[in-house]
Amino acid sequence: MSPTSTPGPPAATDAPAARRRAGRPGHDAESVLRVAVRVFNERGYDGTSMEDLARALGVTKSAIYHHFTGKSELLRRSLDHALDALFAVTREPEATTGPAIDRLEYVVRGSVHVLVEELPHVTLLLRVRGNTEVERHALERRREFDHFVGGLVREGVEAGDIRPDVDPALAGRLLFGMVNSIVEWYRPGKGLDSPDLADALATVAFNGLRA
């Protein structure tokens, strides 16, 4: 058999080239979402185009579409990430059993932890205004969370553990106004970590709520 009829080994560049064609270089879905959320927070969701996201990632728009259908899906994934983490706190045993005042404090502390751990996603959640269907759905879920917190305050009042002159809905809004304000000034790695931050907030809030 002549040398030209014997198949040789594949060229050294064939396998890497195949791998490059199989995926998208440099970014998986998680990293695309992470950068997109950062850009949304910097520029605003409405002020961010797919071109802006592609530029920030250093890829083409088609590389983003490989993972996501567009801006709306990126927004939905981020908002759901934050909301799912918050609702997970409400389902933990410490949030569902025991005196209402203790359950309320646990939810507040847990929410501070979620905010610190998922700061970019929670920041984006707190900035939505209901301009799109995705945002309206997120706001509806936020109201559901607020209703849960207000219910804990009402239970605490009925049990005599929370001051009766506090309106439950207002108390819930004020509590989470304190929690949510953290996104405006907290910087990871500078100052308090999440347990210390939760301790400080709980001390300020609950010394004023307890009967």
N, C-alpha and C. Protein backbone atom coordinates (compact mmCIF):
# COMPACT_ATOMS: atom_id res chain seq x y z
N MET A 1 0.86 -1.19 0.00
CA MET A 1 0.00 0.00 0.00
C MET A 1 0.89 1.24 0.00
N SER A 2 0.56 2.16 -0.86
CA SER A 2 1.41 3.35 -0.98
C SER A 2 1.18 4.26 0.22
N PRO A 3 2.17 5.11 0.56
CA PRO A 3 2.04 6.02 1.70
C PRO A 3 0.82 6.93 1.58
N THR A 4 0.47 7.28 0.36
CA THR A 4 -0.64 8.21 0.21
C THR A 4 -1.98 7.56 0.49
N SER A 5 -2.05 6.19 0.50
CA SER A 5 -3.33 5.52 0.72
C SER A 5 -3.55 5.17 2.18
N THR A 6 -2.54 5.40 3.02
CA THR A 6 -2.68 5.06 4.44
C THR A 6 -3.17 6.28 5.21
N PRO A 7 -4.35 6.17 5.86
CA PRO A 7 -4.83 7.34 6.61
C PRO A 7 -3.90 7.63 7.78
N GLY A 8 -3.54 8.85 7.92
CA GLY A 8 -2.67 9.25 9.01
C GLY A 8 -3.46 9.72 10.21
N PRO A 9 -2.79 10.02 11.31
CA PRO A 9 -3.49 10.52 12.50
C PRO A 9 -4.07 11.89 12.23
N PRO A 10 -5.13 12.24 12.90
CA PRO A 10 -5.70 13.56 12.69
C PRO A 10 -4.70 14.65 13.02
N ALA A 11 -4.83 15.76 12.35
CA ALA A 11 -3.93 16.88 12.62
C ALA A 11 -4.11 17.33 14.05
N ALA A 12 -3.03 17.90 14.61
CA ALA A 12 -3.04 18.28 16.02
C ALA A 12 -4.10 19.33 16.34
N THR A 13 -4.48 20.09 15.34
CA THR A 13 -5.44 21.18 15.60
C THR A 13 -6.89 20.73 15.45
N ASP A 14 -7.12 19.48 14.97
CA ASP A 14 -8.49 19.06 14.70
C ASP A 14 -9.34 19.00 15.95
N ALA A 15 -8.84 18.36 17.04
CA ALA A 15 -9.65 18.20 18.25
C ALA A 15 -9.98 19.53 18.91
N PRO A 16 -8.99 20.40 19.12
CA PRO A 16 -9.34 21.71 19.70
C PRO A 16 -10.33 22.47 18.84
N ALA A 17 -10.17 22.39 17.51
CA ALA A 17 -11.10 23.09 16.63
C ALA A 17 -12.50 22.54 16.80
N ALA A 18 -12.61 21.21 16.94
CA ALA A 18 -13.92 20.60 17.12
C ALA A 18 -14.54 21.06 18.43
N ARG A 19 -13.70 21.15 19.46
CA ARG A 19 -14.24 21.61 20.75
C ARG A 19 -14.70 23.04 20.66
N ARG A 20 -13.96 23.87 19.94
CA ARG A 20 -14.38 25.26 19.80
C ARG A 20 -15.70 25.36 19.07
N ARG A 21 -15.88 24.50 18.05
CA ARG A 21 -17.14 24.54 17.31
C ARG A 21 -18.30 24.03 18.14
N ALA A 22 -18.02 23.08 19.07
CA ALA A 22 -19.09 22.47 19.84
C ALA A 22 -19.69 23.43 20.87
N GLY A 23 -18.89 24.33 21.38
CA GLY A 23 -19.37 25.26 22.39
C GLY A 23 -19.12 26.68 21.98
N ARG A 24 -19.10 27.55 22.96
CA ARG A 24 -18.78 28.95 22.70
C ARG A 24 -17.58 29.31 23.55
N PRO A 25 -16.55 29.88 22.96
CA PRO A 25 -15.31 30.08 23.70
C PRO A 25 -15.47 31.10 24.81
N GLY A 26 -14.93 30.75 25.98
CA GLY A 26 -14.75 31.75 27.01
C GLY A 26 -15.89 31.91 28.00
N HIS A 27 -17.12 31.61 27.65
CA HIS A 27 -18.25 31.88 28.53
C HIS A 27 -19.26 30.74 28.51
N ASP A 28 -19.65 30.29 29.71
CA ASP A 28 -20.78 29.39 29.82
C ASP A 28 -22.00 30.22 30.24
N ALA A 29 -23.14 29.55 30.41
CA ALA A 29 -24.37 30.28 30.72
C ALA A 29 -24.25 31.07 32.02
N GLU A 30 -23.59 30.49 33.02
CA GLU A 30 -23.47 31.15 34.31
C GLU A 30 -22.67 32.45 34.20
N SER A 31 -21.56 32.41 33.48
CA SER A 31 -20.74 33.61 33.36
C SER A 31 -21.42 34.67 32.49
N VAL A 32 -22.17 34.24 31.49
CA VAL A 32 -22.94 35.20 30.69
C VAL A 32 -23.94 35.91 31.57
N LEU A 33 -24.66 35.15 32.40
CA LEU A 33 -25.66 35.76 33.29
C LEU A 33 -25.00 36.70 34.28
N ARG A 34 -23.87 36.30 34.82
CA ARG A 34 -23.18 37.13 35.81
C ARG A 34 -22.79 38.48 35.22
N VAL A 35 -22.22 38.47 34.03
CA VAL A 35 -21.82 39.73 33.40
C VAL A 35 -23.04 40.55 33.00
N ALA A 36 -24.08 39.89 32.50
CA ALA A 36 -25.29 40.60 32.10
C ALA A 36 -25.91 41.32 33.28
N VAL A 37 -25.96 40.68 34.43
CA VAL A 37 -26.54 41.31 35.62
C VAL A 37 -25.72 42.53 36.03
N ARG A 38 -24.41 42.40 35.95
CA ARG A 38 -23.55 43.55 36.28
C ARG A 38 -23.84 44.73 35.35
N VAL A 39 -23.97 44.45 34.06
CA VAL A 39 -24.24 45.53 33.10
C VAL A 39 -25.63 46.10 33.31
N PHE A 40 -26.63 45.26 33.58
CA PHE A 40 -27.98 45.76 33.86
C PHE A 40 -27.96 46.70 35.06
N ASN A 41 -27.21 46.35 36.09
CA ASN A 41 -27.14 47.20 37.29
C ASN A 41 -26.40 48.51 37.02
N GLU A 42 -25.43 48.46 36.12
CA GLU A 42 -24.66 49.67 35.80
C GLU A 42 -25.42 50.61 34.87
N ARG A 43 -26.07 50.05 33.87
CA ARG A 43 -26.69 50.86 32.82
C ARG A 43 -28.21 50.94 32.92
N GLY A 44 -28.79 50.06 33.74
CA GLY A 44 -30.23 49.91 33.75
C GLY A 44 -30.65 48.90 32.70
N TYR A 45 -31.68 48.13 33.01
CA TYR A 45 -32.11 47.10 32.06
C TYR A 45 -32.56 47.71 30.74
N ASP A 46 -33.40 48.74 30.83
CA ASP A 46 -33.91 49.37 29.60
C ASP A 46 -32.80 50.02 28.79
N GLY A 47 -31.75 50.47 29.47
CA GLY A 47 -30.67 51.15 28.79
C GLY A 47 -29.58 50.24 28.26
N THR A 48 -29.78 48.93 28.40
CA THR A 48 -28.78 47.96 27.97
C THR A 48 -29.26 47.24 26.72
N SER A 49 -28.44 47.21 25.71
CA SER A 49 -28.76 46.49 24.48
C SER A 49 -27.99 45.18 24.43
N MET A 50 -28.38 44.32 23.53
CA MET A 50 -27.62 43.08 23.33
C MET A 50 -26.20 43.39 22.88
N GLU A 51 -26.04 44.47 22.12
CA GLU A 51 -24.70 44.88 21.70
C GLU A 51 -23.85 45.25 22.92
N ASP A 52 -24.46 45.94 23.90
CA ASP A 52 -23.73 46.28 25.12
C ASP A 52 -23.27 45.02 25.84
N LEU A 53 -24.16 44.03 25.93
CA LEU A 53 -23.81 42.79 26.62
C LEU A 53 -22.71 42.05 25.88
N ALA A 54 -22.81 41.99 24.56
CA ALA A 54 -21.78 41.31 23.78
C ALA A 54 -20.42 41.99 23.95
N ARG A 55 -20.45 43.32 23.98
CA ARG A 55 -19.20 44.07 24.15
C ARG A 55 -18.60 43.80 25.52
N ALA A 56 -19.44 43.77 26.56
CA ALA A 56 -18.93 43.53 27.91
C ALA A 56 -18.36 42.12 28.05
N LEU A 57 -18.93 41.17 27.34
CA LEU A 57 -18.47 39.79 27.38
C LEU A 57 -17.31 39.52 26.44
N GLY A 58 -17.11 40.39 25.45
CA GLY A 58 -16.08 40.17 24.46
C GLY A 58 -16.42 39.07 23.49
N VAL A 59 -17.73 38.93 23.21
CA VAL A 59 -18.18 37.90 22.28
C VAL A 59 -19.17 38.52 21.29
N THR A 60 -19.63 37.73 20.35
CA THR A 60 -20.68 38.19 19.45
C THR A 60 -22.05 37.97 20.10
N LYS A 61 -23.07 38.63 19.56
CA LYS A 61 -24.42 38.43 20.08
C LYS A 61 -24.85 36.98 19.93
N SER A 62 -24.44 36.33 18.86
CA SER A 62 -24.83 34.94 18.65
C SER A 62 -24.30 34.04 19.76
N ALA A 63 -23.17 34.39 20.35
CA ALA A 63 -22.64 33.61 21.47
C ALA A 63 -23.55 33.69 22.68
N ILE A 64 -24.19 34.86 22.87
CA ILE A 64 -25.16 35.00 23.97
C ILE A 64 -26.42 34.21 23.65
N TYR A 65 -26.87 34.29 22.40
CA TYR A 65 -28.08 33.57 22.01
C TYR A 65 -27.88 32.05 22.07
N HIS A 66 -26.63 31.62 22.10
CA HIS A 66 -26.36 30.20 22.26
C HIS A 66 -26.87 29.71 23.61
N HIS A 67 -26.89 30.60 24.63
CA HIS A 67 -27.30 30.23 25.98
C HIS A 67 -28.67 30.79 26.37
N PHE A 68 -29.02 31.96 25.85
CA PHE A 68 -30.25 32.64 26.26
C PHE A 68 -30.99 33.17 25.03
N THR A 69 -32.31 33.26 25.15
CA THR A 69 -33.10 33.75 24.02
C THR A 69 -32.98 35.26 23.85
N GLY A 70 -32.52 35.96 24.88
CA GLY A 70 -32.37 37.41 24.77
C GLY A 70 -32.34 38.08 26.14
N LYS A 71 -32.46 39.39 26.15
CA LYS A 71 -32.40 40.17 27.38
C LYS A 71 -33.45 39.73 28.39
N SER A 72 -34.65 39.47 27.90
CA SER A 72 -35.76 39.14 28.79
C SER A 72 -35.48 37.87 29.59
N GLU A 73 -34.92 36.87 28.95
CA GLU A 73 -34.61 35.64 29.67
C GLU A 73 -33.49 35.86 30.68
N LEU A 74 -32.51 36.67 30.32
CA LEU A 74 -31.44 36.99 31.27
C LEU A 74 -32.01 37.68 32.51
N LEU A 75 -32.92 38.62 32.30
CA LEU A 75 -33.55 39.32 33.41
C LEU A 75 -34.36 38.35 34.27
N ARG A 76 -35.16 37.51 33.62
CA ARG A 76 -36.00 36.57 34.36
C ARG A 76 -35.15 35.63 35.20
N ARG A 77 -34.07 35.11 34.62
CA ARG A 77 -33.21 34.18 35.35
C ARG A 77 -32.61 34.85 36.59
N SER A 78 -32.21 36.10 36.45
CA SER A 78 -31.61 36.81 37.57
C SER A 78 -32.65 37.09 38.67
N LEU A 79 -33.82 37.57 38.29
CA LEU A 79 -34.84 37.88 39.28
C LEU A 79 -35.33 36.63 39.99
N ASP A 80 -35.50 35.55 39.23
CA ASP A 80 -35.91 34.29 39.85
C ASP A 80 -34.84 33.78 40.81
N HIS A 81 -33.59 33.99 40.46
CA HIS A 81 -32.49 33.56 41.33
C HIS A 81 -32.60 34.24 42.69
N ALA A 82 -32.83 35.55 42.69
CA ALA A 82 -32.95 36.29 43.95
C ALA A 82 -34.21 35.88 44.71
N LEU A 83 -35.34 35.82 44.02
CA LEU A 83 -36.60 35.51 44.69
C LEU A 83 -36.64 34.08 45.21
N ASP A 84 -36.10 33.14 44.45
CA ASP A 84 -36.08 31.75 44.92
C ASP A 84 -35.27 31.63 46.21
N ALA A 85 -34.18 32.37 46.29
CA ALA A 85 -33.35 32.33 47.50
C ALA A 85 -34.10 32.92 48.70
N LEU A 86 -34.84 34.00 48.48
CA LEU A 86 -35.61 34.61 49.56
C LEU A 86 -36.73 33.69 50.03
N PHE A 87 -37.46 33.10 49.09
CA PHE A 87 -38.56 32.21 49.47
C PHE A 87 -38.04 30.93 50.12
N ALA A 88 -36.83 30.52 49.78
CA ALA A 88 -36.25 29.35 50.43
C ALA A 88 -36.10 29.58 51.93
N VAL A 89 -35.79 30.81 52.32
CA VAL A 89 -35.67 31.15 53.75
C VAL A 89 -37.02 30.95 54.44
N THR A 90 -38.11 31.33 53.80
CA THR A 90 -39.43 31.23 54.44
C THR A 90 -39.88 29.79 54.62
N ARG A 91 -39.25 28.84 53.93
CA ARG A 91 -39.64 27.44 54.06
C ARG A 91 -38.77 26.66 55.03
N GLU A 92 -37.75 27.29 55.58
CA GLU A 92 -36.88 26.60 56.53
C GLU A 92 -37.61 26.43 57.87
N PRO A 93 -37.28 25.39 58.63
CA PRO A 93 -38.01 25.10 59.87
C PRO A 93 -38.08 26.29 60.83
N GLU A 94 -36.99 27.04 60.94
CA GLU A 94 -36.96 28.17 61.87
C GLU A 94 -37.92 29.29 61.46
N ALA A 95 -38.35 29.27 60.19
CA ALA A 95 -39.29 30.29 59.70
C ALA A 95 -40.73 29.81 59.76
N THR A 96 -40.95 28.55 60.09
CA THR A 96 -42.30 27.99 60.04
C THR A 96 -42.79 27.46 61.39
N THR A 97 -41.91 27.34 62.37
CA THR A 97 -42.31 26.84 63.68
C THR A 97 -41.78 27.76 64.77
N GLY A 98 -42.50 27.80 65.90
CA GLY A 98 -42.08 28.62 67.03
C GLY A 98 -42.82 29.94 67.07
N PRO A 99 -42.52 30.77 68.07
CA PRO A 99 -43.17 32.08 68.20
C PRO A 99 -42.97 32.94 66.95
N ALA A 100 -44.00 33.68 66.59
CA ALA A 100 -43.95 34.48 65.36
C ALA A 100 -42.82 35.49 65.38
N ILE A 101 -42.54 36.09 66.54
CA ILE A 101 -41.48 37.10 66.61
C ILE A 101 -40.12 36.48 66.29
N ASP A 102 -39.92 35.22 66.74
CA ASP A 102 -38.66 34.53 66.44
C ASP A 102 -38.59 34.14 64.97
N ARG A 103 -39.72 33.71 64.41
CA ARG A 103 -39.74 33.36 62.98
C ARG A 103 -39.48 34.61 62.14
N LEU A 104 -40.07 35.74 62.55
CA LEU A 104 -39.85 36.99 61.82
C LEU A 104 -38.38 37.39 61.86
N GLU A 105 -37.78 37.29 63.02
CA GLU A 105 -36.36 37.64 63.13
C GLU A 105 -35.51 36.71 62.27
N TYR A 106 -35.87 35.44 62.23
CA TYR A 106 -35.12 34.49 61.41
C TYR A 106 -35.22 34.86 59.93
N VAL A 107 -36.41 35.22 59.48
CA VAL A 107 -36.59 35.59 58.07
C VAL A 107 -35.81 36.86 57.75
N VAL A 108 -35.81 37.82 58.65
CA VAL A 108 -35.05 39.04 58.42
C VAL A 108 -33.56 38.74 58.33
N ARG A 109 -33.06 37.95 59.27
CA ARG A 109 -31.64 37.59 59.24
C ARG A 109 -31.30 36.81 57.98
N GLY A 110 -32.17 35.87 57.62
CA GLY A 110 -31.93 35.09 56.42
C GLY A 110 -31.94 35.94 55.16
N SER A 111 -32.81 36.94 55.14
CA SER A 111 -32.88 37.83 53.99
C SER A 111 -31.62 38.68 53.85
N VAL A 112 -31.05 39.09 54.98
CA VAL A 112 -29.78 39.80 54.93
C VAL A 112 -28.70 38.90 54.34
N HIS A 113 -28.69 37.65 54.76
CA HIS A 113 -27.69 36.71 54.24
C HIS A 113 -27.87 36.53 52.72
N VAL A 114 -29.11 36.37 52.26
CA VAL A 114 -29.37 36.24 50.83
C VAL A 114 -28.90 37.48 50.09
N LEU A 115 -29.20 38.64 50.63
CA LEU A 115 -28.80 39.88 49.97
C LEU A 115 -27.29 39.95 49.80
N VAL A 116 -26.55 39.59 50.86
CA VAL A 116 -25.10 39.66 50.79
C VAL A 116 -24.55 38.62 49.82
N GLU A 117 -25.08 37.40 49.88
CA GLU A 117 -24.57 36.31 49.04
C GLU A 117 -24.97 36.49 47.57
N GLU A 118 -26.12 37.09 47.33
CA GLU A 118 -26.63 37.24 45.95
C GLU A 118 -26.80 38.73 45.62
N LEU A 119 -25.85 39.53 46.03
CA LEU A 119 -25.98 40.99 45.95
C LEU A 119 -26.34 41.50 44.56
N PRO A 120 -25.67 41.09 43.48
CA PRO A 120 -26.04 41.62 42.16
C PRO A 120 -27.48 41.29 41.76
N HIS A 121 -27.91 40.06 42.04
CA HIS A 121 -29.26 39.65 41.67
C HIS A 121 -30.32 40.39 42.50
N VAL A 122 -30.07 40.53 43.81
CA VAL A 122 -31.03 41.25 44.66
C VAL A 122 -31.06 42.73 44.29
N THR A 123 -29.91 43.29 43.98
CA THR A 123 -29.87 44.70 43.55
C THR A 123 -30.74 44.90 42.32
N LEU A 124 -30.62 44.01 41.36
CA LEU A 124 -31.44 44.12 40.15
C LEU A 124 -32.91 43.96 40.49
N LEU A 125 -33.24 43.02 41.37
CA LEU A 125 -34.64 42.83 41.79
C LEU A 125 -35.22 44.10 42.38
N LEU A 126 -34.45 44.79 43.20
CA LEU A 126 -34.96 45.99 43.87
C LEU A 126 -35.09 47.19 42.93
N ARG A 127 -34.55 47.05 41.73
CA ARG A 127 -34.61 48.18 40.79
C ARG A 127 -35.68 48.02 39.71
N VAL A 128 -36.35 46.86 39.66
CA VAL A 128 -37.36 46.68 38.63
C VAL A 128 -38.59 47.54 38.94
N ARG A 129 -39.25 48.00 37.91
CA ARG A 129 -40.37 48.92 38.08
C ARG A 129 -41.65 48.43 37.40
N GLY A 130 -41.65 47.22 36.89
CA GLY A 130 -42.86 46.68 36.29
C GLY A 130 -43.09 47.11 34.87
N ASN A 131 -42.03 47.43 34.15
CA ASN A 131 -42.18 47.89 32.76
C ASN A 131 -42.38 46.74 31.77
N THR A 132 -42.07 45.51 32.17
CA THR A 132 -42.21 44.35 31.28
C THR A 132 -42.96 43.26 32.03
N GLU A 133 -43.39 42.26 31.28
CA GLU A 133 -44.10 41.13 31.90
C GLU A 133 -43.22 40.42 32.92
N VAL A 134 -41.93 40.27 32.60
CA VAL A 134 -41.00 39.63 33.53
C VAL A 134 -40.91 40.43 34.81
N GLU A 135 -40.82 41.75 34.71
CA GLU A 135 -40.73 42.58 35.90
C GLU A 135 -42.02 42.54 36.71
N ARG A 136 -43.15 42.54 36.04
CA ARG A 136 -44.43 42.50 36.76
C ARG A 136 -44.59 41.20 37.53
N HIS A 137 -44.13 40.11 36.93
CA HIS A 137 -44.18 38.82 37.63
C HIS A 137 -43.28 38.85 38.86
N ALA A 138 -42.11 39.46 38.73
CA ALA A 138 -41.20 39.56 39.87
C ALA A 138 -41.81 40.41 40.98
N LEU A 139 -42.45 41.51 40.62
CA LEU A 139 -43.09 42.36 41.62
C LEU A 139 -44.23 41.63 42.32
N GLU A 140 -44.94 40.80 41.58
CA GLU A 140 -46.01 40.00 42.19
C GLU A 140 -45.44 39.04 43.23
N ARG A 141 -44.31 38.43 42.91
CA ARG A 141 -43.67 37.54 43.88
C ARG A 141 -43.13 38.31 45.07
N ARG A 142 -42.64 39.51 44.85
CA ARG A 142 -42.20 40.34 45.98
C ARG A 142 -43.37 40.67 46.91
N ARG A 143 -44.53 40.95 46.33
CA ARG A 143 -45.71 41.24 47.17
C ARG A 143 -46.11 40.00 47.97
N GLU A 144 -45.96 38.83 47.37
CA GLU A 144 -46.24 37.59 48.10
C GLU A 144 -45.30 37.44 49.29
N PHE A 145 -44.03 37.77 49.08
CA PHE A 145 -43.06 37.72 50.18
C PHE A 145 -43.43 38.74 51.26
N ASP A 146 -43.80 39.94 50.86
CA ASP A 146 -44.20 40.98 51.81
C ASP A 146 -45.42 40.52 52.62
N HIS A 147 -46.35 39.85 51.96
CA HIS A 147 -47.54 39.35 52.64
C HIS A 147 -47.16 38.32 53.71
N PHE A 148 -46.19 37.48 53.39
CA PHE A 148 -45.72 36.49 54.37
C PHE A 148 -45.14 37.20 55.59
N VAL A 149 -44.33 38.21 55.37
CA VAL A 149 -43.72 38.95 56.47
C VAL A 149 -44.80 39.66 57.29
N GLY A 150 -45.76 40.31 56.62
CA GLY A 150 -46.84 40.98 57.33
C GLY A 150 -47.64 40.01 58.17
N GLY A 151 -47.83 38.78 57.68
CA GLY A 151 -48.54 37.77 58.45
C GLY A 151 -47.80 37.41 59.73
N LEU A 152 -46.48 37.34 59.67
CA LEU A 152 -45.70 37.06 60.88
C LEU A 152 -45.84 38.19 61.89
N VAL A 153 -45.84 39.43 61.40
CA VAL A 153 -46.02 40.57 62.32
C VAL A 153 -47.39 40.49 62.98
N ARG A 154 -48.43 40.21 62.21
CA ARG A 154 -49.78 40.11 62.78
C ARG A 154 -49.85 39.01 63.84
N GLU A 155 -49.24 37.86 63.54
CA GLU A 155 -49.22 36.77 64.53
C GLU A 155 -48.50 37.21 65.80
N GLY A 156 -47.41 37.94 65.64
CA GLY A 156 -46.66 38.41 66.80
C GLY A 156 -47.47 39.38 67.65
N VAL A 157 -48.25 40.23 67.00
CA VAL A 157 -49.11 41.18 67.73
C VAL A 157 -50.17 40.41 68.50
N GLU A 158 -50.81 39.44 67.83
CA GLU A 158 -51.86 38.65 68.47
C GLU A 158 -51.33 37.85 69.65
N ALA A 159 -50.08 37.41 69.55
CA ALA A 159 -49.48 36.63 70.63
C ALA A 159 -48.98 37.51 71.77
N GLY A 160 -48.98 38.82 71.56
CA GLY A 160 -48.50 39.72 72.59
C GLY A 160 -47.01 39.91 72.61
N ASP A 161 -46.32 39.42 71.57
CA ASP A 161 -44.86 39.53 71.51
C ASP A 161 -44.39 40.77 70.75
N ILE A 162 -45.29 41.37 69.99
CA ILE A 162 -44.95 42.57 69.23
C ILE A 162 -45.89 43.69 69.65
N ARG A 163 -45.38 44.86 69.76
CA ARG A 163 -46.16 46.02 70.20
C ARG A 163 -47.45 46.15 69.40
N PRO A 164 -48.59 46.33 70.07
CA PRO A 164 -49.87 46.39 69.37
C PRO A 164 -50.08 47.69 68.60
N ASP A 165 -49.25 48.69 68.84
CA ASP A 165 -49.43 49.96 68.13
C ASP A 165 -48.68 50.00 66.80
N VAL A 166 -48.14 48.83 66.39
CA VAL A 166 -47.42 48.75 65.12
C VAL A 166 -48.32 48.13 64.07
N ASP A 167 -48.58 48.85 62.98
CA ASP A 167 -49.35 48.29 61.88
C ASP A 167 -48.53 47.20 61.20
N PRO A 168 -49.06 45.97 61.08
CA PRO A 168 -48.27 44.86 60.54
C PRO A 168 -47.70 45.11 59.15
N ALA A 169 -48.54 45.63 58.24
CA ALA A 169 -48.04 45.86 56.88
C ALA A 169 -46.94 46.92 56.88
N LEU A 170 -47.14 47.99 57.65
CA LEU A 170 -46.13 49.04 57.71
C LEU A 170 -44.85 48.53 58.35
N ALA A 171 -45.00 47.73 59.41
CA ALA A 171 -43.81 47.19 60.07
C ALA A 171 -43.00 46.33 59.11
N GLY A 172 -43.69 45.52 58.31
CA GLY A 172 -42.98 44.69 57.34
C GLY A 172 -42.23 45.53 56.33
N ARG A 173 -42.89 46.59 55.84
CA ARG A 173 -42.23 47.46 54.86
C ARG A 173 -41.02 48.15 55.47
N LEU A 174 -41.16 48.60 56.71
CA LEU A 174 -40.04 49.30 57.35
C LEU A 174 -38.87 48.34 57.60
N LEU A 175 -39.20 47.13 58.06
CA LEU A 175 -38.15 46.15 58.29
C LEU A 175 -37.36 45.89 57.02
N PHE A 176 -38.08 45.64 55.94
CA PHE A 176 -37.38 45.29 54.71
C PHE A 176 -36.90 46.52 53.95
N GLY A 177 -37.39 47.69 54.35
CA GLY A 177 -36.75 48.91 53.86
C GLY A 177 -35.33 48.99 54.39
N MET A 178 -35.15 48.60 55.67
CA MET A 178 -33.81 48.56 56.25
C MET A 178 -32.94 47.52 55.55
N VAL A 179 -33.50 46.32 55.35
CA VAL A 179 -32.75 45.25 54.69
C VAL A 179 -32.36 45.68 53.28
N ASN A 180 -33.34 46.17 52.53
CA ASN A 180 -33.10 46.49 51.12
C ASN A 180 -32.12 47.65 50.94
N SER A 181 -32.06 48.55 51.94
CA SER A 181 -31.14 49.69 51.81
C SER A 181 -29.68 49.24 51.79
N ILE A 182 -29.43 48.02 52.24
CA ILE A 182 -28.05 47.52 52.29
C ILE A 182 -27.42 47.50 50.91
N VAL A 183 -28.23 47.27 49.86
CA VAL A 183 -27.65 47.19 48.52
C VAL A 183 -27.03 48.50 48.08
N GLU A 184 -27.44 49.61 48.69
CA GLU A 184 -26.94 50.91 48.27
C GLU A 184 -25.55 51.22 48.81
N TRP A 185 -25.16 50.56 49.89
CA TRP A 185 -23.87 50.93 50.48
C TRP A 185 -22.96 49.75 50.79
N TYR A 186 -23.51 48.53 50.84
CA TYR A 186 -22.69 47.39 51.21
C TYR A 186 -21.74 47.01 50.08
N ARG A 187 -20.48 46.75 50.42
CA ARG A 187 -19.49 46.30 49.46
C ARG A 187 -18.83 45.04 50.02
N PRO A 188 -18.92 43.92 49.31
CA PRO A 188 -18.34 42.66 49.80
C PRO A 188 -16.87 42.82 50.15
N GLY A 189 -16.48 42.24 51.27
CA GLY A 189 -15.08 42.26 51.68
C GLY A 189 -14.66 43.54 52.38
N LYS A 190 -15.61 44.45 52.55
CA LYS A 190 -15.28 45.72 53.23
C LYS A 190 -16.26 45.91 54.38
N GLY A 191 -15.74 45.80 55.60
CA GLY A 191 -16.61 45.98 56.76
C GLY A 191 -17.22 44.66 57.21
N LEU A 192 -18.49 44.69 57.65
CA LEU A 192 -19.15 43.55 58.25
C LEU A 192 -19.42 42.44 57.24
N ASP A 193 -19.35 41.18 57.72
CA ASP A 193 -19.82 40.07 56.89
C ASP A 193 -21.31 39.87 57.18
N SER A 194 -21.94 38.92 56.50
CA SER A 194 -23.39 38.81 56.60
C SER A 194 -23.90 38.48 58.01
N PRO A 195 -23.27 37.58 58.80
CA PRO A 195 -23.79 37.33 60.16
C PRO A 195 -23.72 38.58 61.04
N ASP A 196 -22.60 39.32 60.99
CA ASP A 196 -22.48 40.53 61.80
C ASP A 196 -23.47 41.60 61.34
N LEU A 197 -23.65 41.69 60.04
CA LEU A 197 -24.59 42.66 59.49
C LEU A 197 -26.01 42.32 59.93
N ALA A 198 -26.37 41.03 59.89
CA ALA A 198 -27.69 40.59 60.33
C ALA A 198 -27.88 40.86 61.82
N ASP A 199 -26.83 40.64 62.62
CA ASP A 199 -26.92 40.92 64.06
C ASP A 199 -27.20 42.39 64.31
N ALA A 200 -26.48 43.25 63.62
CA ALA A 200 -26.65 44.69 63.82
C ALA A 200 -28.05 45.13 63.43
N LEU A 201 -28.53 44.66 62.28
CA LEU A 201 -29.85 45.07 61.83
C LEU A 201 -30.94 44.53 62.76
N ALA A 202 -30.80 43.27 63.18
CA ALA A 202 -31.80 42.67 64.07
C ALA A 202 -31.85 43.40 65.41
N THR A 203 -30.69 43.80 65.93
CA THR A 203 -30.66 44.53 67.19
C THR A 203 -31.42 45.85 67.08
N VAL A 204 -31.15 46.58 66.01
CA VAL A 204 -31.83 47.87 65.81
C VAL A 204 -33.33 47.67 65.63
N ALA A 205 -33.71 46.69 64.81
CA ALA A 205 -35.11 46.51 64.46
C ALA A 205 -35.92 45.90 65.60
N PHE A 206 -35.45 44.83 66.18
CA PHE A 206 -36.30 44.08 67.08
C PHE A 206 -36.33 44.64 68.50
N ASN A 207 -35.35 45.40 68.89
CA ASN A 207 -35.47 46.10 70.16
C ASN A 207 -36.59 47.14 70.13
N GLY A 208 -36.95 47.57 68.93
CA GLY A 208 -38.06 48.50 68.80
C GLY A 208 -39.39 47.83 68.59
N LEU A 209 -39.38 46.54 68.22
CA LEU A 209 -40.63 45.83 67.96
C LEU A 209 -41.14 45.06 69.16
N ARG A 210 -40.24 44.52 69.98
CA ARG A 210 -40.69 43.66 71.06
C ARG A 210 -41.50 44.44 72.10
N ALA A 211 -42.53 43.79 72.58
CA ALA A 211 -43.40 44.42 73.59
C ALA A 211 -42.67 44.48 74.93
